[in-house]
Amino acid sequence: MEQQLFKLATSNGIWAALYVFLFLYVLYDSRNREKKYQITIHENQGIIKELSQKLGVVEDIQKDVIDIRQEIKRR
């Protein structure tokens, strides 16, 4: 498909060929960038999941500390 576009563009002049080249370059570059973004999003989802689990542990510790403080105040 790219070869057909190049043949058509070269028959229509240098500016058409440059436009097609630039268009295809941007298309491939965007595809690669999108793949990198998807990988980053996947990694970030794992980090978010891990942090939310750790937050649950911190909340449990906070509840225990509150209970201990209340028990100390009663004595």
N, C-alpha and C. Protein backbone atom coordinates (compact mmCIF):
# COMPACT_ATOMS: atom_id res chain seq x y z
N MET A 1 0.82 -1.18 0.00
CA MET A 1 0.00 0.00 0.00
C MET A 1 0.87 1.25 0.00
N GLU A 2 1.93 1.26 0.82
CA GLU A 2 2.81 2.42 0.88
C GLU A 2 3.49 2.65 -0.46
N GLN A 3 3.87 1.55 -1.13
CA GLN A 3 4.54 1.68 -2.42
C GLN A 3 3.62 2.29 -3.46
N GLN A 4 2.35 1.91 -3.43
CA GLN A 4 1.39 2.49 -4.37
C GLN A 4 1.22 3.98 -4.11
N LEU A 5 1.18 4.36 -2.83
CA LEU A 5 1.07 5.78 -2.50
C LEU A 5 2.29 6.55 -2.96
N PHE A 6 3.48 5.97 -2.79
CA PHE A 6 4.70 6.65 -3.24
C PHE A 6 4.72 6.80 -4.76
N LYS A 7 4.31 5.76 -5.48
CA LYS A 7 4.27 5.86 -6.95
C LYS A 7 3.30 6.95 -7.39
N LEU A 8 2.14 6.99 -6.77
CA LEU A 8 1.15 8.01 -7.11
C LEU A 8 1.66 9.40 -6.75
N ALA A 9 2.31 9.51 -5.60
CA ALA A 9 2.81 10.81 -5.16
C ALA A 9 3.94 11.30 -6.05
N THR A 10 4.86 10.41 -6.44
CA THR A 10 5.97 10.84 -7.29
C THR A 10 5.48 11.24 -8.68
N SER A 11 4.42 10.65 -9.14
CA SER A 11 3.89 11.06 -10.44
C SER A 11 3.20 12.42 -10.36
N ASN A 12 2.83 12.85 -9.16
CA ASN A 12 2.17 14.14 -8.99
C ASN A 12 3.12 15.24 -8.51
N GLY A 13 4.38 14.95 -8.35
CA GLY A 13 5.34 15.98 -7.99
C GLY A 13 6.00 15.72 -6.65
N ILE A 14 7.05 16.50 -6.41
CA ILE A 14 7.85 16.32 -5.21
C ILE A 14 7.07 16.66 -3.94
N TRP A 15 6.19 17.67 -4.01
CA TRP A 15 5.44 18.07 -2.82
C TRP A 15 4.45 16.99 -2.40
N ALA A 16 3.86 16.33 -3.37
CA ALA A 16 2.96 15.23 -3.04
C ALA A 16 3.73 14.08 -2.42
N ALA A 17 4.92 13.79 -2.94
CA ALA A 17 5.75 12.72 -2.39
C ALA A 17 6.17 13.05 -0.96
N LEU A 18 6.57 14.30 -0.74
CA LEU A 18 6.96 14.70 0.62
C LEU A 18 5.78 14.62 1.58
N TYR A 19 4.60 15.01 1.10
CA TYR A 19 3.41 14.94 1.95
C TYR A 19 3.11 13.50 2.34
N VAL A 20 3.16 12.59 1.37
CA VAL A 20 2.87 11.18 1.65
C VAL A 20 3.91 10.61 2.60
N PHE A 21 5.18 10.94 2.38
CA PHE A 21 6.23 10.46 3.28
C PHE A 21 5.99 10.95 4.70
N LEU A 22 5.71 12.24 4.84
CA LEU A 22 5.47 12.81 6.17
C LEU A 22 4.23 12.19 6.82
N PHE A 23 3.20 11.98 6.04
CA PHE A 23 1.97 11.37 6.56
C PHE A 23 2.25 9.97 7.09
N LEU A 24 2.96 9.16 6.31
CA LEU A 24 3.26 7.80 6.74
C LEU A 24 4.19 7.79 7.96
N TYR A 25 5.14 8.72 7.99
CA TYR A 25 6.04 8.82 9.14
C TYR A 25 5.26 9.13 10.41
N VAL A 26 4.37 10.09 10.33
CA VAL A 26 3.57 10.46 11.50
C VAL A 26 2.66 9.31 11.91
N LEU A 27 2.12 8.60 10.94
CA LEU A 27 1.25 7.46 11.23
C LEU A 27 2.00 6.38 12.01
N TYR A 28 3.19 6.00 11.54
CA TYR A 28 3.97 4.97 12.23
C TYR A 28 4.45 5.46 13.60
N ASP A 29 4.84 6.72 13.67
CA ASP A 29 5.30 7.28 14.94
C ASP A 29 4.17 7.29 15.96
N SER A 30 2.98 7.64 15.53
CA SER A 30 1.82 7.65 16.43
C SER A 30 1.51 6.24 16.93
N ARG A 31 1.62 5.28 16.05
CA ARG A 31 1.35 3.89 16.44
C ARG A 31 2.33 3.43 17.51
N ASN A 32 3.61 3.75 17.32
CA ASN A 32 4.62 3.36 18.31
C ASN A 32 4.41 4.08 19.64
N ARG A 33 4.06 5.35 19.58
CA ARG A 33 3.81 6.12 20.79
C ARG A 33 2.60 5.55 21.54
N GLU A 34 1.58 5.16 20.81
CA GLU A 34 0.38 4.59 21.44
C GLU A 34 0.72 3.27 22.15
N LYS A 35 1.58 2.46 21.54
CA LYS A 35 2.00 1.21 22.19
C LYS A 35 2.71 1.51 23.51
N LYS A 36 3.59 2.51 23.49
CA LYS A 36 4.31 2.88 24.71
C LYS A 36 3.34 3.38 25.78
N TYR A 37 2.35 4.17 25.37
CA TYR A 37 1.35 4.66 26.32
C TYR A 37 0.56 3.51 26.94
N GLN A 38 0.20 2.53 26.14
CA GLN A 38 -0.55 1.39 26.66
C GLN A 38 0.28 0.62 27.68
N ILE A 39 1.57 0.45 27.41
CA ILE A 39 2.45 -0.23 28.35
C ILE A 39 2.54 0.56 29.65
N THR A 40 2.69 1.88 29.53
CA THR A 40 2.77 2.74 30.72
C THR A 40 1.49 2.67 31.53
N ILE A 41 0.35 2.70 30.86
CA ILE A 41 -0.94 2.61 31.56
C ILE A 41 -1.05 1.29 32.30
N HIS A 42 -0.65 0.21 31.65
CA HIS A 42 -0.71 -1.11 32.28
C HIS A 42 0.18 -1.15 33.53
N GLU A 43 1.38 -0.60 33.43
CA GLU A 43 2.29 -0.58 34.59
C GLU A 43 1.70 0.28 35.71
N ASN A 44 1.12 1.41 35.35
CA ASN A 44 0.53 2.29 36.36
C ASN A 44 -0.65 1.64 37.05
N GLN A 45 -1.41 0.85 36.34
CA GLN A 45 -2.54 0.15 36.96
C GLN A 45 -2.04 -0.81 38.04
N GLY A 46 -0.93 -1.49 37.76
CA GLY A 46 -0.35 -2.38 38.76
C GLY A 46 0.12 -1.62 39.99
N ILE A 47 0.74 -0.47 39.77
CA ILE A 47 1.21 0.36 40.88
C ILE A 47 0.03 0.86 41.71
N ILE A 48 -1.03 1.30 41.04
CA ILE A 48 -2.21 1.79 41.75
C ILE A 48 -2.83 0.68 42.59
N LYS A 49 -2.90 -0.51 42.04
CA LYS A 49 -3.46 -1.64 42.78
C LYS A 49 -2.63 -1.93 44.03
N GLU A 50 -1.31 -1.91 43.87
CA GLU A 50 -0.42 -2.17 45.01
C GLU A 50 -0.55 -1.08 46.07
N LEU A 51 -0.63 0.17 45.65
CA LEU A 51 -0.76 1.27 46.61
C LEU A 51 -2.10 1.24 47.34
N SER A 52 -3.15 0.83 46.65
CA SER A 52 -4.46 0.76 47.31
C SER A 52 -4.46 -0.34 48.37
N GLN A 53 -3.75 -1.44 48.11
CA GLN A 53 -3.64 -2.49 49.12
C GLN A 53 -2.86 -1.99 50.33
N LYS A 54 -1.79 -1.25 50.08
CA LYS A 54 -0.99 -0.70 51.18
C LYS A 54 -1.79 0.33 51.96
N LEU A 55 -2.64 1.08 51.29
CA LEU A 55 -3.48 2.05 51.98
C LEU A 55 -4.44 1.34 52.93
N GLY A 56 -4.95 0.20 52.52
CA GLY A 56 -5.82 -0.59 53.40
C GLY A 56 -5.10 -1.02 54.65
N VAL A 57 -3.84 -1.40 54.53
CA VAL A 57 -3.04 -1.79 55.69
C VAL A 57 -2.84 -0.59 56.61
N VAL A 58 -2.55 0.57 56.03
CA VAL A 58 -2.36 1.78 56.84
C VAL A 58 -3.65 2.15 57.56
N GLU A 59 -4.77 2.02 56.91
CA GLU A 59 -6.05 2.31 57.56
C GLU A 59 -6.31 1.36 58.72
N ASP A 60 -5.96 0.09 58.55
CA ASP A 60 -6.11 -0.88 59.65
C ASP A 60 -5.22 -0.49 60.84
N ILE A 61 -4.00 -0.08 60.55
CA ILE A 61 -3.09 0.33 61.62
C ILE A 61 -3.64 1.57 62.32
N GLN A 62 -4.20 2.49 61.55
CA GLN A 62 -4.77 3.70 62.14
C GLN A 62 -5.92 3.36 63.08
N LYS A 63 -6.76 2.42 62.70
CA LYS A 63 -7.86 1.99 63.57
C LYS A 63 -7.32 1.37 64.85
N ASP A 64 -6.27 0.56 64.72
CA ASP A 64 -5.67 -0.06 65.91
C ASP A 64 -5.09 0.99 66.84
N VAL A 65 -4.44 2.00 66.29
CA VAL A 65 -3.87 3.07 67.11
C VAL A 65 -4.97 3.82 67.84
N ILE A 66 -6.06 4.10 67.17
CA ILE A 66 -7.19 4.78 67.81
C ILE A 66 -7.74 3.94 68.95
N ASP A 67 -7.88 2.63 68.72
CA ASP A 67 -8.36 1.74 69.77
C ASP A 67 -7.41 1.73 70.97
N ILE A 68 -6.12 1.70 70.70
CA ILE A 68 -5.13 1.69 71.78
C ILE A 68 -5.20 2.99 72.57
N ARG A 69 -5.32 4.12 71.88
CA ARG A 69 -5.43 5.41 72.57
C ARG A 69 -6.67 5.46 73.46
N GLN A 70 -7.77 4.97 72.95
CA GLN A 70 -9.00 4.97 73.75
C GLN A 70 -8.84 4.08 74.98
N GLU A 71 -8.18 2.96 74.82
CA GLU A 71 -7.97 2.05 75.94
C GLU A 71 -7.05 2.69 76.98
N ILE A 72 -6.03 3.38 76.53
CA ILE A 72 -5.11 4.05 77.46
C ILE A 72 -5.83 5.16 78.21
N LYS A 73 -6.68 5.92 77.54
CA LYS A 73 -7.41 7.01 78.18
C LYS A 73 -8.37 6.48 79.24
N ARG A 74 -8.93 5.31 79.04
CA ARG A 74 -9.86 4.72 80.01
C ARG A 74 -9.14 4.31 81.28
N ARG A 75 -7.90 3.98 81.22
CA ARG A 75 -7.16 3.47 82.39
C ARG A 75 -6.61 4.58 83.15
